[in-house]
N, C-alpha and C. Protein backbone atom coordinates (compact mmCIF):
# COMPACT_ATOMS: atom_id res chain seq x y z
N MET A 1 -27.42 -6.21 3.03
CA MET A 1 -26.12 -6.15 2.54
C MET A 1 -25.54 -6.68 4.19
N THR A 2 -24.70 -7.42 3.56
CA THR A 2 -23.58 -8.38 4.87
C THR A 2 -22.40 -7.40 5.21
N TYR A 3 -21.86 -8.01 6.22
CA TYR A 3 -20.32 -7.33 6.01
C TYR A 3 -19.52 -8.42 4.68
N THR A 4 -20.15 -10.17 4.85
CA THR A 4 -19.76 -10.24 4.36
C THR A 4 -19.88 -10.47 2.75
N SER A 5 -21.07 -10.37 2.76
CA SER A 5 -21.06 -10.10 1.11
C SER A 5 -20.49 -8.55 0.37
N PHE A 6 -20.45 -8.00 1.19
CA PHE A 6 -19.81 -6.61 1.07
C PHE A 6 -18.19 -6.73 0.62
N LEU A 7 -17.64 -7.70 1.71
CA LEU A 7 -16.07 -8.37 1.10
C LEU A 7 -15.99 -8.55 -0.38
N ARG A 8 -17.38 -9.94 -0.26
CA ARG A 8 -17.47 -11.06 -1.34
C ARG A 8 -17.40 -9.91 -3.03
N SER A 9 -18.39 -8.63 -2.91
CA SER A 9 -17.86 -7.39 -3.60
C SER A 9 -17.61 -6.88 -3.98
N GLU A 10 -16.44 -6.37 -2.94
CA GLU A 10 -15.28 -5.80 -3.82
C GLU A 10 -14.10 -6.97 -3.90
N LEU A 11 -14.34 -7.66 -3.30
CA LEU A 11 -13.26 -8.70 -4.05
C LEU A 11 -13.25 -8.99 -6.03
N LEU A 12 -14.89 -8.96 -5.65
CA LEU A 12 -15.40 -9.66 -6.87
C LEU A 12 -15.06 -7.88 -8.20
N VAL A 13 -15.57 -7.21 -7.79
CA VAL A 13 -15.09 -5.53 -8.46
C VAL A 13 -13.46 -5.14 -8.44
N LEU A 14 -13.10 -5.95 -7.73
CA LEU A 14 -11.07 -5.40 -8.00
C LEU A 14 -11.19 -6.81 -8.67
N TRP A 15 -10.99 -7.49 -9.48
CA TRP A 15 -11.02 -9.27 -10.20
C TRP A 15 -11.34 -8.15 -11.49
N ARG A 16 -12.65 -7.14 -11.96
CA ARG A 16 -13.32 -7.24 -12.80
C ARG A 16 -12.48 -5.83 -13.05
N ARG A 17 -11.86 -5.79 -12.54
CA ARG A 17 -10.85 -4.37 -12.71
C ARG A 17 -9.66 -4.79 -12.30
N LYS A 18 -9.21 -6.07 -12.87
CA LYS A 18 -7.67 -5.84 -12.71
C LYS A 18 -6.76 -5.55 -13.35
N GLN A 19 -7.63 -4.87 -14.48
CA GLN A 19 -6.14 -3.56 -14.60
C GLN A 19 -5.79 -2.99 -14.51
N ASP A 20 -6.13 -2.67 -13.22
CA ASP A 20 -5.55 -1.69 -12.08
C ASP A 20 -4.75 -1.94 -11.56
N VAL A 21 -4.57 -2.85 -11.34
CA VAL A 21 -3.71 -3.96 -10.12
C VAL A 21 -2.95 -4.43 -10.64
N VAL A 22 -2.92 -5.25 -12.20
CA VAL A 22 -2.00 -5.67 -12.55
C VAL A 22 -1.07 -4.53 -13.45
N ASN A 23 -1.76 -2.99 -13.32
CA ASN A 23 -1.11 -2.01 -14.18
C ASN A 23 -0.09 -1.25 -13.05
N ALA A 24 -0.46 -1.19 -11.59
CA ALA A 24 0.45 -1.19 -10.39
C ALA A 24 1.74 -2.01 -10.13
N VAL A 25 1.32 -3.40 -10.55
CA VAL A 25 2.35 -4.04 -10.42
C VAL A 25 3.44 -4.31 -11.96
N LEU A 26 3.13 -4.20 -12.90
CA LEU A 26 3.45 -3.46 -13.40
C LEU A 26 4.48 -2.80 -13.63
N PHE A 27 3.96 -1.58 -12.94
CA PHE A 27 5.11 -0.27 -12.76
C PHE A 27 5.34 -0.45 -11.50
N PHE A 28 5.68 -1.30 -10.58
CA PHE A 28 6.52 -1.67 -9.83
C PHE A 28 7.68 -2.46 -10.18
N ILE A 29 7.37 -3.26 -11.23
CA ILE A 29 8.55 -3.99 -12.08
C ILE A 29 9.48 -3.28 -12.66
N LEU A 30 8.81 -2.65 -13.19
CA LEU A 30 9.74 -1.49 -14.49
C LEU A 30 10.49 -1.03 -13.54
N VAL A 31 10.02 -0.41 -12.58
CA VAL A 31 10.70 0.52 -12.21
C VAL A 31 11.96 0.22 -10.90
N VAL A 32 11.89 -0.94 -10.34
CA VAL A 32 13.02 -1.89 -9.83
C VAL A 32 13.52 -1.87 -11.04
N ALA A 33 13.01 -2.82 -12.27
CA ALA A 33 14.02 -3.23 -12.86
C ALA A 33 14.72 -2.43 -13.68
N LEU A 34 14.45 -1.36 -13.86
CA LEU A 34 14.70 -0.01 -14.87
C LEU A 34 16.17 0.58 -14.05
N PHE A 35 16.27 0.64 -12.34
CA PHE A 35 16.93 1.15 -11.51
C PHE A 35 18.16 1.03 -12.12
N PRO A 36 18.60 -0.63 -12.31
CA PRO A 36 20.01 -0.89 -12.17
C PRO A 36 20.40 -0.19 -13.37
N ILE A 37 19.18 -0.29 -14.53
CA ILE A 37 20.19 -0.38 -16.03
C ILE A 37 20.58 1.58 -15.91
N GLY A 38 19.82 2.52 -15.15
CA GLY A 38 19.84 4.05 -15.55
C GLY A 38 20.53 4.40 -13.88
N VAL A 39 21.38 3.30 -13.24
CA VAL A 39 22.28 3.79 -12.23
C VAL A 39 23.47 3.38 -12.85
N ASN A 40 22.93 2.36 -11.93
CA ASN A 40 24.63 1.08 -11.73
C ASN A 40 23.97 -0.39 -11.21
N SER A 41 24.77 -1.28 -12.09
CA SER A 41 24.13 -2.42 -11.71
C SER A 41 25.45 -3.36 -11.15
N SER A 42 26.22 -2.53 -10.70
CA SER A 42 27.38 -3.58 -9.68
C SER A 42 26.65 -3.76 -8.45
N PRO A 43 26.74 -5.44 -8.22
CA PRO A 43 26.30 -5.74 -6.98
C PRO A 43 26.41 -5.16 -5.78
N GLU A 44 27.50 -4.02 -5.81
CA GLU A 44 28.10 -3.27 -4.53
C GLU A 44 27.90 -2.77 -4.78
N PHE A 45 26.79 -1.87 -5.40
CA PHE A 45 25.55 -0.41 -5.48
C PHE A 45 24.98 -1.43 -4.85
N LEU A 46 23.78 -2.19 -5.66
CA LEU A 46 22.63 -2.67 -5.72
C LEU A 46 22.53 -2.67 -4.22
N SER A 47 23.28 -4.04 -3.79
CA SER A 47 23.21 -4.89 -2.77
C SER A 47 22.77 -3.57 -1.13
N PRO A 48 23.28 -2.69 -0.93
CA PRO A 48 22.99 -1.44 0.07
C PRO A 48 21.85 -1.24 -0.30
N ALA A 49 21.56 -0.68 -1.47
CA ALA A 49 20.28 -0.20 -2.10
C ALA A 49 18.88 -0.99 -2.35
N SER A 50 19.03 -1.98 -2.03
CA SER A 50 17.88 -2.77 -3.30
C SER A 50 16.72 -2.85 -1.88
N GLY A 51 16.54 -2.37 0.09
CA GLY A 51 15.69 -2.00 0.01
C GLY A 51 15.21 -0.88 -0.26
N GLY A 52 15.79 0.10 0.12
CA GLY A 52 15.33 1.61 -0.42
C GLY A 52 14.79 1.11 -1.88
N ILE A 53 15.36 0.87 -2.86
CA ILE A 53 15.10 0.47 -4.53
C ILE A 53 13.61 -0.14 -4.32
N ILE A 54 12.80 -1.29 -3.32
CA ILE A 54 12.11 -1.97 -3.69
C ILE A 54 10.65 -1.46 -2.72
N TRP A 55 11.00 -0.71 -1.35
CA TRP A 55 10.31 -0.24 -0.88
C TRP A 55 9.81 1.36 -1.39
N CYS A 56 10.58 2.06 -2.30
CA CYS A 56 10.13 3.76 -2.89
C CYS A 56 9.24 2.60 -4.20
N ALA A 57 9.50 1.82 -4.84
CA ALA A 57 8.87 1.35 -5.98
C ALA A 57 7.43 0.69 -5.00
N ALA A 58 7.06 0.21 -4.05
CA ALA A 58 6.32 -0.33 -3.90
C ALA A 58 5.01 0.64 -3.48
N VAL A 59 5.96 1.83 -2.47
CA VAL A 59 5.02 3.25 -2.47
C VAL A 59 4.17 3.83 -3.49
N LEU A 60 4.94 3.46 -5.17
CA LEU A 60 4.73 4.54 -6.12
C LEU A 60 3.55 3.18 -6.10
N ALA A 61 3.73 2.11 -6.20
CA ALA A 61 2.30 1.21 -6.81
C ALA A 61 1.28 1.03 -5.88
N ILE A 62 1.61 1.49 -4.97
CA ILE A 62 0.35 1.13 -3.51
C ILE A 62 -0.06 2.87 -4.03
N LEU A 63 0.25 4.34 -4.02
CA LEU A 63 -0.09 5.22 -4.28
C LEU A 63 -1.21 5.41 -6.11
N MET A 64 -0.75 4.20 -6.72
CA MET A 64 -0.98 4.46 -7.62
C MET A 64 -3.12 3.15 -7.96
N SER A 65 -2.47 2.04 -7.03
CA SER A 65 -3.58 1.28 -6.56
C SER A 65 -4.74 2.26 -6.09
N ILE A 66 -3.82 3.16 -4.85
CA ILE A 66 -5.60 3.33 -4.32
C ILE A 66 -5.94 4.77 -3.96
N GLU A 67 -4.99 5.47 -5.39
CA GLU A 67 -5.57 7.09 -5.72
C GLU A 67 -7.63 7.05 -5.79
N GLY A 68 -7.57 6.20 -6.50
CA GLY A 68 -9.38 5.62 -7.19
C GLY A 68 -9.79 4.98 -6.48
N ALA A 69 -9.25 4.94 -5.34
CA ALA A 69 -10.01 3.52 -4.85
C ALA A 69 -11.69 3.61 -4.35
N PHE A 70 -12.31 5.24 -4.43
CA PHE A 70 -13.56 5.61 -4.20
C PHE A 70 -14.11 6.40 -5.23
N LYS A 71 -13.40 6.27 -6.54
CA LYS A 71 -14.17 7.29 -7.61
C LYS A 71 -15.31 6.41 -8.50
N ASP A 72 -15.06 5.05 -8.86
CA ASP A 72 -16.38 4.68 -9.06
C ASP A 72 -17.51 5.16 -8.14
N ASP A 73 -17.06 4.34 -6.54
CA ASP A 73 -17.96 4.30 -6.11
C ASP A 73 -19.01 5.71 -5.55
N TYR A 74 -17.99 7.03 -6.19
CA TYR A 74 -18.31 8.24 -6.20
C TYR A 74 -19.05 7.96 -7.25
N LEU A 75 -18.90 7.91 -8.68
CA LEU A 75 -20.08 8.14 -9.79
C LEU A 75 -21.33 7.65 -9.62
N ASP A 76 -21.63 6.49 -9.45
CA ASP A 76 -22.73 5.44 -9.62
C ASP A 76 -22.93 5.32 -8.01
N GLY A 77 -23.11 6.01 -7.53
CA GLY A 77 -24.05 6.01 -6.12
C GLY A 77 -23.96 5.38 -5.06
N SER A 78 -22.57 4.69 -5.16
CA SER A 78 -22.43 3.12 -4.10
C SER A 78 -22.49 4.00 -2.70
N LEU A 79 -21.53 5.30 -2.79
CA LEU A 79 -20.98 5.36 -1.36
C LEU A 79 -22.01 5.94 -0.93
N GLU A 80 -23.12 6.52 -1.42
CA GLU A 80 -24.33 7.54 -0.91
C GLU A 80 -25.37 6.11 -0.30
N GLN A 81 -25.22 4.64 -0.84
CA GLN A 81 -25.21 3.85 -0.18
C GLN A 81 -24.67 2.55 0.74
N LEU A 82 -23.78 2.90 0.99
CA LEU A 82 -22.96 2.65 2.14
C LEU A 82 -23.34 2.89 3.52
N VAL A 83 -23.38 4.93 3.48
CA VAL A 83 -23.95 6.02 3.99
C VAL A 83 -25.22 5.02 5.05
N VAL A 84 -25.98 5.34 3.68
CA VAL A 84 -27.00 5.00 4.07
C VAL A 84 -27.73 3.19 4.58
N SER A 85 -27.05 2.22 4.24
CA SER A 85 -26.90 1.28 4.79
C SER A 85 -27.42 0.35 5.87
N GLY A 86 -27.08 1.34 7.04
CA GLY A 86 -27.21 1.05 8.28
C GLY A 86 -26.43 -0.11 9.04
N LEU A 87 -24.73 -0.30 8.04
CA LEU A 87 -23.28 -1.24 8.51
C LEU A 87 -23.29 0.03 9.22
N SER A 88 -22.17 -0.50 9.74
CA SER A 88 -20.98 0.04 10.33
C SER A 88 -20.89 0.75 9.61
N LEU A 89 -20.21 2.29 8.94
CA LEU A 89 -19.06 2.56 8.00
C LEU A 89 -17.59 2.49 8.15
N PRO A 90 -17.08 2.45 9.65
CA PRO A 90 -15.87 2.13 9.69
C PRO A 90 -15.16 0.58 9.26
N LEU A 91 -16.29 0.21 9.51
CA LEU A 91 -15.83 -1.63 9.53
C LEU A 91 -15.87 -1.84 7.85
N LEU A 92 -17.19 -1.30 6.93
CA LEU A 92 -16.70 -1.32 5.83
C LEU A 92 -15.62 -0.86 5.09
N MET A 93 -15.32 0.28 5.56
CA MET A 93 -13.56 0.66 4.86
C MET A 93 -12.89 0.05 5.55
N LEU A 94 -12.93 -0.80 6.55
CA LEU A 94 -11.41 -1.99 6.80
C LEU A 94 -11.87 -3.19 6.35
N LEU A 95 -13.31 -3.81 5.74
CA LEU A 95 -13.02 -4.69 4.34
C LEU A 95 -12.66 -4.25 3.57
N LYS A 96 -12.71 -2.56 2.43
CA LYS A 96 -12.29 -2.64 1.94
C LYS A 96 -11.03 -2.25 1.66
N VAL A 97 -10.60 -1.97 2.51
CA VAL A 97 -8.79 -2.35 2.54
C VAL A 97 -8.26 -3.07 2.88
N VAL A 98 -8.97 -3.99 3.36
CA VAL A 98 -8.28 -5.35 3.43
C VAL A 98 -8.23 -6.15 1.86
N ALA A 99 -9.56 -5.66 1.19
CA ALA A 99 -9.37 -6.43 -0.25
C ALA A 99 -8.30 -5.96 -1.45
N LEU A 100 -8.46 -4.76 -0.50
CA LEU A 100 -7.92 -3.60 -1.75
C LEU A 100 -5.76 -3.73 -1.58
N TRP A 101 -5.52 -4.19 -0.10
CA TRP A 101 -4.35 -4.96 0.62
C TRP A 101 -3.61 -5.99 -0.01
N ALA A 102 -4.82 -6.81 0.01
CA ALA A 102 -4.68 -8.45 -0.36
C ALA A 102 -4.33 -8.75 -1.88
N SER A 103 -5.18 -7.72 -2.96
CA SER A 103 -5.23 -7.56 -4.10
C SER A 103 -3.89 -7.17 -4.53
N VAL A 104 -3.33 -6.29 -4.08
CA VAL A 104 -2.28 -5.12 -4.49
C VAL A 104 -0.61 -6.53 -4.43
N VAL A 105 -0.88 -6.38 -2.31
CA VAL A 105 0.69 -6.70 -2.11
C VAL A 105 0.59 -8.15 -2.17
N ILE A 106 -0.32 -9.28 -2.07
CA ILE A 106 -0.16 -10.48 -2.83
C ILE A 106 0.72 -10.55 -3.99
N PRO A 107 0.22 -10.33 -5.47
CA PRO A 107 1.77 -10.47 -6.25
C PRO A 107 2.88 -9.28 -6.32
N LEU A 108 2.70 -8.26 -5.59
CA LEU A 108 3.90 -7.52 -5.26
C LEU A 108 5.01 -8.74 -4.81
N LEU A 109 4.77 -9.66 -3.51
CA LEU A 109 5.17 -10.73 -2.81
C LEU A 109 5.66 -11.62 -3.80
N LEU A 110 4.79 -12.29 -4.76
CA LEU A 110 4.76 -13.22 -5.47
C LEU A 110 5.76 -13.22 -6.91
N VAL A 111 6.47 -11.45 -6.70
CA VAL A 111 7.05 -10.63 -8.13
C VAL A 111 8.69 -10.70 -7.07
N MET A 112 8.83 -10.60 -5.54
CA MET A 112 9.62 -10.35 -4.66
C MET A 112 11.38 -11.32 -4.93
N PRO A 113 10.78 -12.53 -5.01
CA PRO A 113 12.03 -13.53 -5.26
C PRO A 113 13.28 -13.07 -6.36
N LEU A 114 11.77 -13.34 -7.75
CA LEU A 114 12.93 -12.81 -8.64
C LEU A 114 13.57 -11.06 -8.91
N LEU A 115 12.63 -10.14 -8.32
CA LEU A 115 13.76 -9.43 -8.18
C LEU A 115 14.40 -9.09 -7.03
N SER A 116 14.63 -9.41 -5.49
CA SER A 116 15.76 -9.46 -4.98
C SER A 116 17.32 -10.21 -5.93
N GLU A 117 16.91 -11.04 -6.31
CA GLU A 117 17.93 -11.46 -7.31
C GLU A 117 18.45 -10.66 -8.25
N MET A 118 18.09 -9.96 -8.64
CA MET A 118 18.24 -8.62 -10.03
C MET A 118 19.08 -8.00 -9.10
N LEU A 119 18.47 -7.16 -7.54
CA LEU A 119 19.41 -6.18 -6.80
C LEU A 119 20.22 -6.90 -5.86
N SER A 120 20.45 -8.41 -6.30
CA SER A 120 21.65 -8.68 -5.50
C SER A 120 21.26 -8.73 -3.80
N LEU A 121 20.34 -9.16 -3.35
CA LEU A 121 19.54 -8.45 -1.83
C LEU A 121 20.23 -10.05 -1.23
N PRO A 122 21.24 -10.12 -0.53
CA PRO A 122 21.15 -11.16 0.36
C PRO A 122 20.20 -12.13 0.81
N SER A 123 20.14 -13.34 1.06
CA SER A 123 19.32 -14.06 0.99
C SER A 123 18.67 -13.85 2.71
N ALA A 124 19.44 -13.54 3.75
CA ALA A 124 19.27 -13.36 4.96
C ALA A 124 17.87 -11.97 5.55
N ALA A 125 18.87 -11.21 4.20
CA ALA A 125 17.57 -9.68 4.42
C ALA A 125 16.35 -9.92 3.57
N PHE A 126 16.73 -11.02 2.70
CA PHE A 126 15.32 -11.60 2.26
C PHE A 126 14.00 -11.68 2.80
N TRP A 127 13.71 -12.50 3.78
CA TRP A 127 13.31 -12.82 4.78
C TRP A 127 12.37 -11.43 5.43
N VAL A 128 13.80 -10.61 5.49
CA VAL A 128 13.87 -9.27 6.66
C VAL A 128 12.77 -8.76 6.10
N LEU A 129 13.14 -8.07 5.13
CA LEU A 129 12.39 -7.26 3.85
C LEU A 129 10.96 -8.45 3.46
N ILE A 130 10.82 -9.34 3.17
CA ILE A 130 8.83 -9.59 3.19
C ILE A 130 8.49 -9.16 4.77
N MET A 131 9.60 -9.45 5.60
CA MET A 131 8.39 -9.41 6.26
C MET A 131 7.85 -7.56 6.86
N THR A 132 8.78 -6.60 6.00
CA THR A 132 8.91 -5.45 7.03
C THR A 132 7.34 -4.75 5.40
N LEU A 133 7.02 -5.56 4.50
CA LEU A 133 7.11 -5.18 3.25
C LEU A 133 4.71 -6.39 4.04
N LEU A 134 4.69 -7.28 4.77
CA LEU A 134 4.38 -7.79 5.63
C LEU A 134 3.15 -6.63 6.62
N VAL A 135 4.10 -6.32 7.29
CA VAL A 135 4.06 -5.38 8.81
C VAL A 135 4.18 -4.52 7.81
N GLY A 136 4.37 -3.64 7.10
CA GLY A 136 4.35 -2.21 7.06
C GLY A 136 3.03 -1.70 5.75
N THR A 137 3.05 -2.29 5.13
CA THR A 137 2.31 -2.06 4.34
C THR A 137 0.68 -1.91 3.98
N PRO A 138 0.48 -2.65 5.39
CA PRO A 138 -0.92 -2.24 5.55
C PRO A 138 -1.10 -0.97 6.09
N CYS A 139 -0.14 0.15 6.92
CA CYS A 139 -0.03 1.19 7.66
C CYS A 139 -0.48 2.63 6.22
N LEU A 140 0.43 1.65 5.25
CA LEU A 140 -0.03 2.66 3.56
C LEU A 140 -0.81 2.85 3.45
N PHE A 141 -1.72 1.49 3.44
CA PHE A 141 -2.79 1.01 2.97
C PHE A 141 -4.12 1.94 3.53
N PHE A 142 -4.13 1.86 5.00
CA PHE A 142 -4.57 2.85 5.63
C PHE A 142 -4.36 4.18 5.83
N ILE A 143 -3.68 4.92 5.83
CA ILE A 143 -3.19 6.08 5.35
C ILE A 143 -3.63 6.70 4.12
N GLY A 144 -3.18 6.01 3.14
CA GLY A 144 -3.81 6.35 1.93
C GLY A 144 -5.31 6.40 1.74
N ILE A 145 -6.13 5.23 2.15
CA ILE A 145 -7.62 5.24 1.93
C ILE A 145 -8.34 6.67 2.09
N ILE A 146 -7.92 7.52 3.54
CA ILE A 146 -7.73 8.59 3.82
C ILE A 146 -7.96 9.51 2.85
N GLY A 147 -7.12 9.75 2.20
CA GLY A 147 -6.55 10.95 1.10
C GLY A 147 -7.88 10.24 0.24
N SER A 148 -7.90 9.31 -0.15
CA SER A 148 -8.38 9.48 -1.24
C SER A 148 -10.41 9.13 -0.89
N ALA A 149 -10.78 9.00 0.73
CA ALA A 149 -11.40 9.55 1.12
C ALA A 149 -12.16 11.26 0.50
N LEU A 150 -10.98 11.68 1.06
CA LEU A 150 -11.02 13.41 1.77
C LEU A 150 -11.33 13.80 -0.42
N THR A 151 -10.20 12.98 -0.88
CA THR A 151 -10.29 14.06 -2.93
C THR A 151 -11.54 12.83 -3.69
N ALA A 152 -12.84 11.66 -3.38
CA ALA A 152 -13.53 10.98 -4.04
C ALA A 152 -14.11 11.57 -5.09
N SER A 153 -14.44 13.09 -4.56
CA SER A 153 -15.19 14.11 -4.62
C SER A 153 -15.46 15.29 -6.41
N LEU A 154 -13.59 14.92 -5.93
CA LEU A 154 -13.22 16.17 -6.79
C LEU A 154 -12.21 14.98 -8.51
N LYS A 155 -12.55 16.10 -9.27
CA LYS A 155 -12.23 15.52 -10.24
C LYS A 155 -10.86 15.06 -10.83
N GLN A 156 -9.58 15.51 -11.10
CA GLN A 156 -8.45 16.01 -10.63
C GLN A 156 -7.79 15.51 -9.69
N SER A 157 -7.66 13.69 -8.66
CA SER A 157 -7.55 14.41 -7.49
C SER A 157 -6.38 13.79 -7.21
N ALA A 158 -5.36 13.35 -8.58
CA ALA A 158 -4.28 12.16 -8.51
C ALA A 158 -3.63 13.37 -7.36
N MET A 159 -2.71 14.37 -7.46
CA MET A 159 -1.47 14.93 -7.26
C MET A 159 -2.47 15.22 -6.00
N LEU A 160 -3.28 16.04 -5.45
CA LEU A 160 -3.50 16.80 -4.24
C LEU A 160 -3.35 14.97 -3.07
N VAL A 161 -4.01 13.74 -3.35
CA VAL A 161 -3.81 13.08 -2.57
C VAL A 161 -2.14 11.87 -2.31
N MET A 162 -1.28 12.18 -3.13
CA MET A 162 0.24 12.07 -3.19
C MET A 162 0.79 13.47 -2.33
N LEU A 163 0.69 14.55 -2.44
CA LEU A 163 0.50 15.85 -1.43
C LEU A 163 0.33 15.28 0.14
N LEU A 164 -1.12 15.19 -0.37
CA LEU A 164 -1.59 14.87 1.67
C LEU A 164 -1.39 14.00 1.75
N ILE A 165 -0.51 12.85 1.21
CA ILE A 165 -0.64 11.65 2.01
C ILE A 165 1.08 11.14 1.82
N LEU A 166 2.00 11.01 1.24
CA LEU A 166 2.97 11.08 1.04
C LEU A 166 4.02 11.05 2.36
N PRO A 167 3.32 12.48 3.24
CA PRO A 167 4.45 12.75 3.62
C PRO A 167 4.56 11.48 5.56
N PHE A 168 3.12 11.31 5.68
CA PHE A 168 2.83 10.71 6.12
C PHE A 168 3.81 9.00 6.01
N TYR A 169 4.07 9.16 5.12
CA TYR A 169 4.60 7.49 4.09
C TYR A 169 6.03 7.23 4.83
N PHE A 170 6.80 8.61 4.88
CA PHE A 170 8.15 8.83 5.52
C PHE A 170 8.83 8.16 6.23
N PRO A 171 8.08 7.89 7.17
CA PRO A 171 8.07 7.05 8.62
C PRO A 171 8.35 5.24 8.27
N VAL A 172 7.32 5.04 7.58
CA VAL A 172 7.45 3.96 7.23
C VAL A 172 8.68 3.46 6.49
N ILE A 173 8.21 4.28 5.57
CA ILE A 173 10.03 3.73 4.39
C ILE A 173 11.19 3.33 5.30
N ILE A 174 11.39 4.84 5.73
CA ILE A 174 12.92 4.85 6.87
C ILE A 174 12.69 4.10 7.72
N PHE A 175 11.82 3.20 8.33
CA PHE A 175 11.86 2.02 9.51
C PHE A 175 12.28 0.53 8.81
N ALA A 176 11.67 0.97 7.47
CA ALA A 176 11.30 -0.40 7.02
C ALA A 176 12.55 -0.49 6.36
N THR A 177 13.28 0.28 5.58
CA THR A 177 14.75 -0.13 4.92
C THR A 177 15.82 0.21 5.73
N SER A 178 15.46 0.66 6.74
CA SER A 178 16.41 0.72 8.25
C SER A 178 16.85 -1.49 8.55
N ALA A 179 15.71 -1.63 8.48
CA ALA A 179 15.54 -2.93 9.36
C ALA A 179 15.98 -3.84 7.86
N VAL A 180 15.96 -3.75 7.20
CA VAL A 180 16.89 -4.66 5.63
C VAL A 180 18.13 -4.47 5.73
N HIS A 181 18.55 -2.94 6.28
CA HIS A 181 19.62 -3.06 6.21
C HIS A 181 20.54 -3.49 7.14
N ALA A 182 19.81 -3.53 8.54
CA ALA A 182 20.15 -3.87 10.15
C ALA A 182 20.42 -5.61 9.27
N ALA A 183 19.87 -5.74 8.36
CA ALA A 183 19.71 -7.43 8.42
C ALA A 183 21.09 -7.89 7.89
N GLN A 184 21.17 -6.85 6.46
CA GLN A 184 22.12 -7.04 5.72
C GLN A 184 23.14 -7.06 6.57
N VAL A 185 23.93 -6.38 7.28
CA VAL A 185 24.63 -5.96 7.96
C VAL A 185 24.97 -6.47 9.31
N GLY A 186 24.16 -7.17 10.00
CA GLY A 186 24.54 -8.46 10.81
C GLY A 186 23.40 -7.63 12.31
N LEU A 187 23.14 -6.58 12.54
CA LEU A 187 22.42 -6.12 13.37
C LEU A 187 21.31 -6.59 14.04
N PRO A 188 20.73 -6.21 14.91
CA PRO A 188 19.29 -6.76 15.08
C PRO A 188 18.14 -5.59 14.68
N TYR A 189 17.06 -6.39 13.64
CA TYR A 189 16.56 -5.57 13.65
C TYR A 189 14.55 -6.26 13.51
N SER A 190 14.82 -6.66 15.28
CA SER A 190 13.05 -6.78 15.45
C SER A 190 12.50 -5.84 16.16
N GLY A 191 13.17 -4.73 16.61
CA GLY A 191 13.13 -3.49 17.29
C GLY A 191 12.53 -2.51 15.73
N LEU A 192 13.01 -2.34 15.26
CA LEU A 192 12.13 -1.57 14.14
C LEU A 192 10.70 -2.51 13.68
N LEU A 193 10.87 -3.71 12.93
CA LEU A 193 9.91 -4.58 12.67
C LEU A 193 8.39 -4.33 13.75
N ALA A 194 9.16 -4.16 15.49
CA ALA A 194 8.10 -4.05 16.22
C ALA A 194 7.37 -3.02 16.03
N ILE A 195 7.90 -1.75 15.59
CA ILE A 195 7.99 -0.39 15.29
C ILE A 195 6.70 0.03 14.01
N LEU A 196 6.82 -0.78 12.84
CA LEU A 196 6.39 -0.84 11.99
C LEU A 196 5.04 -1.94 12.45
N LEU A 197 5.09 -2.51 13.34
CA LEU A 197 3.94 -3.34 13.09
C LEU A 197 3.09 -2.47 13.96
N ALA A 198 3.53 -1.34 14.81
CA ALA A 198 2.97 -0.86 15.92
C ALA A 198 1.82 0.28 15.14
N MET A 199 2.76 0.69 14.14
CA MET A 199 2.37 2.30 13.17
C MET A 199 1.16 1.20 12.55
N SER A 200 0.87 -0.18 12.23
CA SER A 200 0.33 -0.56 11.28
C SER A 200 -1.24 -0.90 12.32
N LEU A 201 -1.17 -1.04 13.35
CA LEU A 201 -2.09 -1.35 13.75
C LEU A 201 -2.43 0.12 14.88
N LEU A 202 -2.13 1.20 14.66
CA LEU A 202 -2.40 2.39 15.49
C LEU A 202 -3.13 3.10 14.22
N SER A 203 -2.31 2.60 12.32
CA SER A 203 -3.35 3.23 11.69
C SER A 203 -4.52 1.97 11.53
N LEU A 204 -4.50 1.05 11.91
CA LEU A 204 -5.58 0.02 11.60
C LEU A 204 -7.14 0.64 12.47
N VAL A 205 -6.64 0.96 14.05
CA VAL A 205 -7.64 1.68 14.86
C VAL A 205 -8.60 2.99 14.48
N VAL A 206 -7.32 3.93 14.19
CA VAL A 206 -7.17 5.34 13.58
C VAL A 206 -8.56 5.42 12.16
N SER A 207 -8.08 4.72 10.74
CA SER A 207 -8.24 4.94 9.97
C SER A 207 -9.52 4.85 9.65
N PRO A 208 -10.47 3.28 9.69
CA PRO A 208 -11.46 3.59 9.26
C PRO A 208 -12.28 4.35 9.60
N PHE A 209 -12.13 5.14 11.04
CA PHE A 209 -13.06 6.08 11.45
C PHE A 209 -13.11 7.21 10.76
N MET A 210 -11.55 7.48 10.51
CA MET A 210 -11.27 8.93 9.73
C MET A 210 -11.61 8.53 8.15
N THR A 211 -11.34 7.28 7.61
CA THR A 211 -12.04 7.11 6.21
C THR A 211 -13.63 7.49 6.05
N ALA A 212 -14.35 7.30 7.16
CA ALA A 212 -16.06 6.79 7.84
C ALA A 212 -16.15 8.36 7.64
N ILE A 213 -15.40 9.48 8.27
CA ILE A 213 -15.92 10.49 7.82
C ILE A 213 -15.78 11.45 7.09
N ALA A 214 -13.97 10.88 6.38
CA ALA A 214 -14.12 11.43 4.72
C ALA A 214 -15.07 11.24 3.87
N ILE A 215 -16.02 10.10 3.93
CA ILE A 215 -17.10 9.44 2.77
C ILE A 215 -18.16 10.51 2.98
N LYS A 216 -18.74 10.89 4.40
CA LYS A 216 -19.88 11.04 4.40
C LYS A 216 -19.56 12.55 4.20
N ALA A 217 -18.83 13.05 4.67
CA ALA A 217 -18.21 14.83 4.11
C ALA A 217 -18.40 14.58 2.38
N SER A 218 -17.54 13.63 1.64
CA SER A 218 -17.48 13.60 0.69
C SER A 218 -19.12 13.55 -0.29
N VAL A 219 -19.92 12.78 0.14
CA VAL A 219 -20.94 12.39 -0.04
C VAL A 219 -21.89 13.72 0.01
N ASN A 220 -21.64 14.31 1.16
CA ASN A 220 -22.50 15.29 1.17
C ASN A 220 -21.51 16.90 0.40
């Protein structure tokens, strides 16, 4: 097995289990669509809150997609094979996150124009929202994959994963929604985007090693 073949196999597995990704995307759309119906449908309310609504829905969708990232691999023995494969386990974990991120975030970005219109998001803030999702969601996946690896051997782990990683998501949500709001009111937002990018880069460096340690602990 090579790194390229591993990435290809991960993408193939995600394609075969595309129902999980579809469920996460549909959940994201439903949360965003039901919010105006259940709370307030006026543009005066939705426009300032649109960034927060979309980001909260995105976080929930990511939690859904990442909770069982290692379940099947643990049950069929694939995790043990990765540990003894002789390849760099942190790099394999990085490739797994890349495949998972692409399979979830790209569909979310494709439906974003429709949802932004539904929430009366100004066009000037729309592209800022897209940038926050591009630079902020990798951090969510890198943090979430650690929690998923820690609970891979547990049967009922969904709530535990959420309790473990959700507090670490709060800074990302705060800076992302602040950037969107700053764009809406005409304030500079580049510093907030830089902070999001720095958080993603930091998680990129730390997360693969922490995930590899958690995988070894779960396997043993």
